[in-house]
Amino acid sequence: MKKKILIICAAAMLNIAATKQAYAFVSQLADTVAVNPNLVTGKTLPQFTVQTDAGNALKLSSLKGRVLLIDFWASWCMPCRAAIPHLKELYKKYHAEGFEILSISIDQNSKAWKNAMLKEGMPWQQAIDKYDEGKDASVIMEALSIQSVPFAIVLNADGKVALINPASADVDRHLKKVFNK
């Protein structure tokens, strides 16, 4: 019963009508966070390596020391693409202060990913996740039990999870607090 109340309250906070669809959506998000020991606020993420747009390997550990927003997205995901202007604003405002973004595409078509990436003009690190044979979820999304995109994770400079799939206003508040702006 407590979980049901929490989910209904969360749906209201998200300005989503408390319908079956909203309940299912928020329940899915709550379950993603609650059941995965790899994605917990205050803990470090499991180490992973992704392929950059230049074809190089990029280890998550190489970005430690900066506040990092990991943005899971796809070229075909319109909400993902709609979030990019806000990410550009954050990057411009905080990058020189120690903020980094790593966008990880879950596209299965690398050509579509590269075209979308170029069209959007994102100046931060770009990478693509891979898929294991027969799997519907990319490797990292499966490891973290991420169910859909867009999905973001914010890590503090020490590499610990600060925010899990936050609303853009929560990211704004967090960065303002971290960088005293």
C-alpha atoms as a PDB file:
ATOM      1  CA  MET A   1       0.000   0.000   0.000  1.00  0.00           C
ATOM      2  CA  LYS A   2       2.834   2.453   0.841  1.00  0.00           C
ATOM      3  CA  LYS A   3       4.406   1.827  -2.564  1.00  0.00           C
ATOM      4  CA  LYS A   4       1.071   2.561  -4.265  1.00  0.00           C
ATOM      5  CA  ILE A   5       0.730   5.867  -2.392  1.00  0.00           C
ATOM      6  CA  LEU A   6       4.320   6.810  -3.217  1.00  0.00           C
ATOM      7  CA  ILE A   7       3.740   6.070  -6.885  1.00  0.00           C
ATOM      8  CA  ILE A   8       0.511   8.056  -7.040  1.00  0.00           C
ATOM      9  CA  CYS A   9       2.205  11.005  -5.309  1.00  0.00           C
ATOM     10  CA  ALA A  10       5.136  10.789  -7.701  1.00  0.00           C
ATOM     11  CA  ALA A  11       2.743  10.782 -10.656  1.00  0.00           C
ATOM     12  CA  ALA A  12       1.071  13.922  -9.309  1.00  0.00           C
ATOM     13  CA  MET A  13       4.457  15.585  -8.833  1.00  0.00           C
ATOM     14  CA  LEU A  14       5.301  14.813 -12.447  1.00  0.00           C
ATOM     15  CA  ASN A  15       2.048  16.511 -13.493  1.00  0.00           C
ATOM     16  CA  ILE A  16       0.864  13.255 -14.986  1.00  0.00           C
ATOM     17  CA  ALA A  17      -2.747  12.280 -14.537  1.00  0.00           C
ATOM     18  CA  ALA A  18      -2.997   9.377 -12.082  1.00  0.00           C
ATOM     19  CA  THR A  19      -4.173   6.917 -14.686  1.00  0.00           C
ATOM     20  CA  LYS A  20      -3.214   3.301 -15.152  1.00  0.00           C
ATOM     21  CA  GLN A  21      -0.625   4.393 -17.706  1.00  0.00           C
ATOM     22  CA  ALA A  22       0.934   6.928 -15.318  1.00  0.00           C
ATOM     23  CA  TYR A  23       0.884   4.379 -12.497  1.00  0.00           C
ATOM     24  CA  ALA A  24       2.679   1.860 -14.708  1.00  0.00           C
ATOM     25  CA  PHE A  25       5.236   4.459 -15.838  1.00  0.00           C
ATOM     26  CA  VAL A  26       6.118   5.676 -12.346  1.00  0.00           C
ATOM     27  CA  SER A  27       6.009   2.131 -10.962  1.00  0.00           C
ATOM     28  CA  GLN A  28       8.525   1.087 -13.604  1.00  0.00           C
ATOM     29  CA  LEU A  29      10.851   3.927 -12.597  1.00  0.00           C
ATOM     30  CA  ALA A  30      10.498   3.084  -8.907  1.00  0.00           C
ATOM     31  CA  ASP A  31      11.203  -0.583  -9.571  1.00  0.00           C
ATOM     32  CA  THR A  32      14.238   0.251 -11.704  1.00  0.00           C
ATOM     33  CA  VAL A  33      15.810   2.171  -8.860  1.00  0.00           C
ATOM     34  CA  ALA A  34      14.688  -0.148  -6.068  1.00  0.00           C
ATOM     35  CA  VAL A  35      15.743  -3.504  -7.465  1.00  0.00           C
ATOM     36  CA  ASN A  36      19.133  -2.821  -8.998  1.00  0.00           C
ATOM     37  CA  PRO A  37      22.146  -2.863  -6.661  1.00  0.00           C
ATOM     38  CA  ASN A  38      24.273  -1.393  -9.482  1.00  0.00           C
ATOM     39  CA  LEU A  39      22.297   1.861  -9.526  1.00  0.00           C
ATOM     40  CA  VAL A  40      22.056   3.309  -6.040  1.00  0.00           C
ATOM     41  CA  THR A  41      22.509   6.893  -4.869  1.00  0.00           C
ATOM     42  CA  GLY A  42      25.808   7.238  -2.999  1.00  0.00           C
ATOM     43  CA  LYS A  43      27.471   4.239  -4.656  1.00  0.00           C
ATOM     44  CA  THR A  44      29.769   4.032  -7.637  1.00  0.00           C
ATOM     45  CA  LEU A  45      28.532   2.577 -10.904  1.00  0.00           C
ATOM     46  CA  PRO A  46      30.107  -0.613 -12.193  1.00  0.00           C
ATOM     47  CA  GLN A  47      32.956   0.237 -14.531  1.00  0.00           C
ATOM     48  CA  PHE A  48      32.167   0.090 -18.220  1.00  0.00           C
ATOM     49  CA  THR A  49      33.785   0.916 -21.530  1.00  0.00           C
ATOM     50  CA  VAL A  50      31.965   2.380 -24.522  1.00  0.00           C
ATOM     51  CA  GLN A  51      32.999   3.171 -28.075  1.00  0.00           C
ATOM     52  CA  THR A  52      33.265   6.873 -28.933  1.00  0.00           C
ATOM     53  CA  ASP A  53      32.125   8.411 -32.188  1.00  0.00           C
ATOM     54  CA  ALA A  54      35.785   8.393 -33.266  1.00  0.00           C
ATOM     55  CA  GLY A  55      35.926   4.622 -32.673  1.00  0.00           C
ATOM     56  CA  ASN A  56      38.035   4.796 -29.504  1.00  0.00           C
ATOM     57  CA  ALA A  57      37.354   3.001 -26.239  1.00  0.00           C
ATOM     58  CA  LEU A  58      36.231   5.293 -23.405  1.00  0.00           C
ATOM     59  CA  LYS A  59      36.291   4.033 -19.824  1.00  0.00           C
ATOM     60  CA  LEU A  60      33.907   5.540 -17.302  1.00  0.00           C
ATOM     61  CA  SER A  61      36.809   5.796 -14.851  1.00  0.00           C
ATOM     62  CA  SER A  62      38.586   8.238 -17.210  1.00  0.00           C
ATOM     63  CA  LEU A  63      35.916  10.848 -16.412  1.00  0.00           C
ATOM     64  CA  LYS A  64      36.331  10.699 -12.630  1.00  0.00           C
ATOM     65  CA  GLY A  65      37.174  14.028 -11.022  1.00  0.00           C
ATOM     66  CA  ARG A  66      34.416  15.912 -12.824  1.00  0.00           C
ATOM     67  CA  VAL A  67      30.700  16.119 -12.125  1.00  0.00           C
ATOM     68  CA  LEU A  68      29.311  13.871 -14.843  1.00  0.00           C
ATOM     69  CA  LEU A  69      25.867  13.597 -16.367  1.00  0.00           C
ATOM     70  CA  ILE A  70      25.473  10.317 -18.245  1.00  0.00           C
ATOM     71  CA  ASP A  71      22.727  10.760 -20.813  1.00  0.00           C
ATOM     72  CA  PHE A  72      21.256   7.591 -22.337  1.00  0.00           C
ATOM     73  CA  TRP A  73      19.511   8.465 -25.579  1.00  0.00           C
ATOM     74  CA  ALA A  74      18.726   7.306 -29.123  1.00  0.00           C
ATOM     75  CA  SER A  75      18.418   9.048 -32.482  1.00  0.00           C
ATOM     76  CA  TRP A  76      14.799   7.895 -32.860  1.00  0.00           C
ATOM     77  CA  CYS A  77      13.766   9.087 -29.362  1.00  0.00           C
ATOM     78  CA  MET A  78      12.005  12.444 -29.673  1.00  0.00           C
ATOM     79  CA  PRO A  79      12.011  13.201 -25.891  1.00  0.00           C
ATOM     80  CA  CYS A  80      15.767  12.499 -25.928  1.00  0.00           C
ATOM     81  CA  ARG A  81      16.289  14.948 -28.758  1.00  0.00           C
ATOM     82  CA  ALA A  82      14.039  17.531 -27.083  1.00  0.00           C
ATOM     83  CA  ALA A  83      16.271  17.438 -23.970  1.00  0.00           C
ATOM     84  CA  ILE A  84      19.439  18.318 -25.890  1.00  0.00           C
ATOM     85  CA  PRO A  85      19.022  22.143 -25.870  1.00  0.00           C
ATOM     86  CA  HIS A  86      18.837  22.099 -22.060  1.00  0.00           C
ATOM     87  CA  LEU A  87      21.936  19.891 -21.888  1.00  0.00           C
ATOM     88  CA  LYS A  88      23.720  22.386 -24.147  1.00  0.00           C
ATOM     89  CA  GLU A  89      22.828  25.201 -21.733  1.00  0.00           C
ATOM     90  CA  LEU A  90      24.161  23.229 -18.759  1.00  0.00           C
ATOM     91  CA  TYR A  91      27.337  22.302 -20.616  1.00  0.00           C
ATOM     92  CA  LYS A  92      27.984  25.907 -21.618  1.00  0.00           C
ATOM     93  CA  LYS A  93      27.326  27.185 -18.095  1.00  0.00           C
ATOM     94  CA  TYR A  94      29.270  24.590 -16.062  1.00  0.00           C
ATOM     95  CA  HIS A  95      31.820  22.837 -18.281  1.00  0.00           C
ATOM     96  CA  ALA A  96      34.672  25.198 -17.404  1.00  0.00           C
ATOM     97  CA  GLU A  97      33.840  24.642 -13.704  1.00  0.00           C
ATOM     98  CA  GLY A  98      34.286  20.857 -13.883  1.00  0.00           C
ATOM     99  CA  PHE A  99      31.059  19.535 -15.438  1.00  0.00           C
ATOM    100  CA  GLU A 100      31.054  16.911 -18.171  1.00  0.00           C
ATOM    101  CA  ILE A 101      28.365  15.125 -20.137  1.00  0.00           C
ATOM    102  CA  LEU A 102      28.678  11.662 -21.641  1.00  0.00           C
ATOM    103  CA  SER A 103      25.881  10.846 -24.064  1.00  0.00           C
ATOM    104  CA  ILE A 104      25.537   7.114 -24.643  1.00  0.00           C
ATOM    105  CA  SER A 105      23.407   6.158 -27.598  1.00  0.00           C
ATOM    106  CA  ILE A 106      21.493   2.905 -27.548  1.00  0.00           C
ATOM    107  CA  ASP A 107      21.005   3.007 -31.305  1.00  0.00           C
ATOM    108  CA  GLN A 108      21.541  -0.268 -33.094  1.00  0.00           C
ATOM    109  CA  ASN A 109      22.211   1.653 -36.295  1.00  0.00           C
ATOM    110  CA  SER A 110      25.463   3.558 -35.886  1.00  0.00           C
ATOM    111  CA  LYS A 111      24.827   5.594 -39.051  1.00  0.00           C
ATOM    112  CA  ALA A 112      21.539   6.944 -37.617  1.00  0.00           C
ATOM    113  CA  TRP A 113      23.358   7.716 -34.354  1.00  0.00           C
ATOM    114  CA  LYS A 114      26.167   9.626 -36.078  1.00  0.00           C
ATOM    115  CA  ASN A 115      23.717  11.572 -38.271  1.00  0.00           C
ATOM    116  CA  ALA A 116      21.616  12.606 -35.265  1.00  0.00           C
ATOM    117  CA  MET A 117      24.702  13.473 -33.255  1.00  0.00           C
ATOM    118  CA  LEU A 118      26.015  15.727 -36.025  1.00  0.00           C
ATOM    119  CA  LYS A 119      22.605  17.335 -36.570  1.00  0.00           C
ATOM    120  CA  GLU A 120      22.236  18.129 -32.864  1.00  0.00           C
ATOM    121  CA  GLY A 121      25.791  19.517 -32.569  1.00  0.00           C
ATOM    122  CA  MET A 122      26.486  18.219 -29.082  1.00  0.00           C
ATOM    123  CA  PRO A 123      29.977  19.413 -28.026  1.00  0.00           C
ATOM    124  CA  TRP A 124      30.500  16.812 -25.273  1.00  0.00           C
ATOM    125  CA  GLN A 125      31.656  13.181 -25.222  1.00  0.00           C
ATOM    126  CA  GLN A 126      29.602  10.877 -27.470  1.00  0.00           C
ATOM    127  CA  ALA A 127      29.560   7.092 -27.286  1.00  0.00           C
ATOM    128  CA  ILE A 128      27.456   4.158 -28.343  1.00  0.00           C
ATOM    129  CA  ASP A 129      26.563   1.100 -26.294  1.00  0.00           C
ATOM    130  CA  LYS A 130      26.629  -2.381 -27.750  1.00  0.00           C
ATOM    131  CA  TYR A 131      24.102  -5.190 -27.693  1.00  0.00           C
ATOM    132  CA  ASP A 132      24.722  -8.805 -26.784  1.00  0.00           C
ATOM    133  CA  GLU A 133      23.305 -11.231 -29.313  1.00  0.00           C
ATOM    134  CA  GLY A 134      19.622 -11.919 -28.771  1.00  0.00           C
ATOM    135  CA  LYS A 135      19.165  -9.077 -26.247  1.00  0.00           C
ATOM    136  CA  ASP A 136      16.708  -6.210 -26.625  1.00  0.00           C
ATOM    137  CA  ALA A 137      18.501  -3.922 -24.164  1.00  0.00           C
ATOM    138  CA  SER A 138      21.997  -2.544 -24.621  1.00  0.00           C
ATOM    139  CA  VAL A 139      24.710  -3.935 -22.348  1.00  0.00           C
ATOM    140  CA  ILE A 140      24.897  -0.991 -19.930  1.00  0.00           C
ATOM    141  CA  MET A 141      21.149  -0.444 -19.820  1.00  0.00           C
ATOM    142  CA  GLU A 142      20.671  -4.096 -18.954  1.00  0.00           C
ATOM    143  CA  ALA A 143      23.380  -3.977 -16.272  1.00  0.00           C
ATOM    144  CA  LEU A 144      21.660  -0.988 -14.653  1.00  0.00           C
ATOM    145  CA  SER A 145      18.069  -2.182 -15.291  1.00  0.00           C
ATOM    146  CA  ILE A 146      17.271   0.955 -17.255  1.00  0.00           C
ATOM    147  CA  GLN A 147      13.969   0.342 -18.992  1.00  0.00           C
ATOM    148  CA  SER A 148      13.724   3.258 -21.430  1.00  0.00           C
ATOM    149  CA  VAL A 149      15.309   6.415 -22.770  1.00  0.00           C
ATOM    150  CA  PRO A 150      15.791   9.227 -22.115  1.00  0.00           C
ATOM    151  CA  PHE A 151      17.503   8.292 -18.874  1.00  0.00           C
ATOM    152  CA  ALA A 152      20.164  10.250 -16.994  1.00  0.00           C
ATOM    153  CA  ILE A 153      22.498   9.568 -14.121  1.00  0.00           C
ATOM    154  CA  VAL A 154      24.495  12.318 -12.409  1.00  0.00           C
ATOM    155  CA  LEU A 155      27.768  11.366 -10.737  1.00  0.00           C
ATOM    156  CA  ASN A 156      29.637  13.583  -8.304  1.00  0.00           C
ATOM    157  CA  ALA A 157      33.319  14.299  -8.904  1.00  0.00           C
ATOM    158  CA  ASP A 158      34.216  11.320  -6.691  1.00  0.00           C
ATOM    159  CA  GLY A 159      32.335   9.030  -9.086  1.00  0.00           C
ATOM    160  CA  LYS A 160      29.400   8.329  -6.760  1.00  0.00           C
ATOM    161  CA  VAL A 161      25.799   8.451  -7.984  1.00  0.00           C
ATOM    162  CA  ALA A 162      24.155  11.734  -6.988  1.00  0.00           C
ATOM    163  CA  LEU A 163      20.924  11.654  -9.021  1.00  0.00           C
ATOM    164  CA  ILE A 164      19.053   8.866 -10.812  1.00  0.00           C
ATOM    165  CA  ASN A 165      16.905   9.885 -13.773  1.00  0.00           C
ATOM    166  CA  PRO A 166      16.258  13.362 -12.380  1.00  0.00           C
ATOM    167  CA  ALA A 167      13.927  15.973 -13.810  1.00  0.00           C
ATOM    168  CA  SER A 168      15.787  18.814 -15.502  1.00  0.00           C
ATOM    169  CA  ALA A 169      14.925  21.160 -12.614  1.00  0.00           C
ATOM    170  CA  ASP A 170      16.598  18.739 -10.186  1.00  0.00           C
ATOM    171  CA  VAL A 171      19.740  18.680 -12.309  1.00  0.00           C
ATOM    172  CA  ASP A 172      19.712  22.489 -12.388  1.00  0.00           C
ATOM    173  CA  ARG A 173      19.424  22.695  -8.589  1.00  0.00           C
ATOM    174  CA  HIS A 174      22.139  20.088  -8.062  1.00  0.00           C
ATOM    175  CA  LEU A 175      24.628  21.798 -10.376  1.00  0.00           C
ATOM    176  CA  LYS A 176      23.849  25.218  -8.931  1.00  0.00           C
ATOM    177  CA  LYS A 177      24.575  23.842  -5.453  1.00  0.00           C
ATOM    178  CA  VAL A 178      27.758  21.983  -6.507  1.00  0.00           C
ATOM    179  CA  PHE A 179      29.202  24.913  -8.415  1.00  0.00           C
ATOM    180  CA  ASN A 180      27.847  27.644  -6.082  1.00  0.00           C
ATOM    181  CA  LYS A 181      26.118  29.560  -8.877  1.00  0.00           C
END
